[in-house]
Each structure stands twice: as C-alpha cells, then as structure tokens.
Amino acid sequence: MSGAEAGLVVAERFFRSFESGDFQTLERILAVDAKIWHNDGNGEQSRADNLETLKLIHANIESYAGRFPTAMSAAWR
C-alpha cells in the first residue's frame, strides 16, 4: 500500500468514526499535539477542543448517511 493509499484509509476511518459517533477512535486518530486549523479567522484549535466541536456537530445533525465518499472512491482521487 502506498503512502497516499494509507492516508486515504486513515481518512475513511476518521469519517466513518465521526458518522457513527465513535469518538474514542477519533481521539486515537488525532495526534496528542494536533492543531486543527480553520479558515474562519479564529486560527488553530487544540485536539481536545476539536473533539468537543465534532461532538457538538454530530449531536446536531440528524443523519450522516451518504454524506462522505469512501476513501477509495473516485471522489478522493
């Protein structure tokens, strides 16, 4: 598996974990010292703050079915 393919596998795991509300897996995927940048003018977000944001988003959207392509689909290439 190439580095690019491995990255796609991690991306798919991230999105599937988010869809299912598996925040323990999301926490394991994100590096402890991760800084998440947003283009909203508020700069970087810590890993802990990002996980809380993801939980809020997940709790307020009714369904994620079909919202994310699979990592190996043409949409990711």
Protein backbone atom coordinates (compact mmCIF):
# COMPACT_ATOMS: atom_id res chain seq x y z
CA MET A 1 0.00 0.00 0.00
CA SER A 2 1.40 3.40 -0.95
CA GLY A 3 1.63 6.31 1.46
CA ALA A 4 -1.24 8.03 -0.35
CA GLU A 5 -3.43 4.94 -0.06
CA ALA A 6 -2.59 4.61 3.63
CA GLY A 7 -3.61 8.24 4.12
CA LEU A 8 -6.94 7.55 2.41
CA VAL A 9 -7.55 4.59 4.71
CA VAL A 10 -6.99 6.82 7.75
CA ALA A 11 -9.29 9.49 6.26
CA GLU A 12 -12.02 6.94 5.71
CA ARG A 13 -11.59 5.60 9.24
CA PHE A 14 -11.88 9.18 10.55
CA PHE A 15 -15.11 9.90 8.65
CA ARG A 16 -16.69 6.52 9.47
CA SER A 17 -15.87 7.06 13.15
CA PHE A 18 -17.45 10.51 13.02
CA GLU A 19 -20.55 9.19 11.25
CA SER A 20 -21.08 6.51 13.89
CA GLY A 21 -20.23 8.76 16.85
CA ASP A 22 -17.16 6.70 17.76
CA PHE A 23 -15.23 9.50 19.44
CA GLN A 24 -12.80 7.13 21.15
CA THR A 25 -11.49 6.13 17.72
CA LEU A 26 -11.37 9.77 16.62
CA GLU A 27 -9.33 10.56 19.71
CA ARG A 28 -6.88 7.77 18.82
CA ILE A 29 -6.58 9.00 15.22
CA LEU A 30 -5.72 12.60 16.16
CA ALA A 31 -2.18 13.16 17.43
CA VAL A 32 -2.00 14.32 21.05
CA ASP A 33 -0.37 17.59 19.96
CA ALA A 34 -2.58 18.07 16.88
CA LYS A 35 -3.52 21.62 15.93
CA ILE A 36 -6.58 21.89 13.69
CA TRP A 37 -6.68 24.98 11.51
CA HIS A 38 -9.97 26.54 10.42
CA ASN A 39 -10.38 29.25 7.82
CA ASP A 40 -12.88 31.15 9.98
CA GLY A 41 -10.34 33.65 11.26
CA ASN A 42 -10.09 32.02 14.69
CA GLY A 43 -6.79 30.27 14.00
CA GLU A 44 -5.91 26.86 15.38
CA GLN A 45 -7.93 24.56 17.58
CA SER A 46 -6.47 22.05 20.02
CA ARG A 47 -7.19 18.34 19.74
CA ALA A 48 -9.46 18.48 22.82
CA ASP A 49 -11.37 21.50 21.52
CA ASN A 50 -11.75 19.89 18.10
CA LEU A 51 -13.14 16.68 19.59
CA GLU A 52 -15.69 18.74 21.54
CA THR A 53 -16.63 20.60 18.35
CA LEU A 54 -17.05 17.32 16.47
CA LYS A 55 -19.30 16.00 19.27
CA LEU A 56 -21.49 19.12 19.06
CA ILE A 57 -21.74 18.87 15.28
CA HIS A 58 -22.56 15.17 15.48
CA ALA A 59 -25.27 15.76 18.08
CA ASN A 60 -26.95 18.42 15.94
CA ILE A 61 -27.10 16.74 12.54
CA GLU A 62 -29.76 14.10 12.12
CA SER A 63 -28.10 11.79 9.62
CA TYR A 64 -24.70 11.33 8.01
CA ALA A 65 -25.73 8.55 5.64
CA GLY A 66 -24.18 9.11 2.24
CA ARG A 67 -22.56 12.43 3.15
CA PHE A 68 -18.97 11.23 2.86
CA PRO A 69 -17.48 9.31 -0.06
CA THR A 70 -15.48 6.22 0.71
CA ALA A 71 -11.74 6.84 0.74
CA MET A 72 -11.11 4.56 -2.20
CA SER A 73 -13.87 6.03 -4.38
CA ALA A 74 -13.16 8.23 -7.37
CA ALA A 75 -14.21 11.30 -5.35
CA TRP A 76 -10.99 11.04 -3.34
CA ARG A 77 -8.64 10.62 -6.28
